[in-house]
Amino acid sequence: MNELNFFMAHMPNSRMADYIVGCLDSSVYIDFNKDKKDKICIKRISFDGYGCCEPKQRFFSTKKFKSMSQKDSLEFEKIFENKVLDQQKLTKIIRWHLNTNKELLWKDALIQYGLI
């Protein structure tokens, strides 16, 4: 598992999200929100050289975007509340979430950046 070096990021008010994570020397930013069931899900992901991908705007298909499990959502929130990012746990949770939803995101960018 290669090092992604996640960090908590802050963006201007024009890019609102419940949680924003940067990685790979600021080449990738992933924005997360809570859904209606208090589960964490990706709002958008931006990649240097690709731009910004908002999955709900990108596809009109029968594939459904999946939120994190309740367990992973709670663990994700706990990591942020502690303000100390557990790289191993965060990498596992985020990679699983990206891999689960890869068909609704820019799969080629996810692969190029080693996120899946």
Foldseek 3Di string as FASTA:
>chain_A
DDFFPKAWDDDPPVDDAPTWIATDVRQKIWGWHQDPVRFIATQWMQGVPPGIAGLVVQDDDPDDQDTFDPVLRVVVVVCVVVNPHPRVSVLVRQLVNCVVCVVSTPVVRCVVSVSD
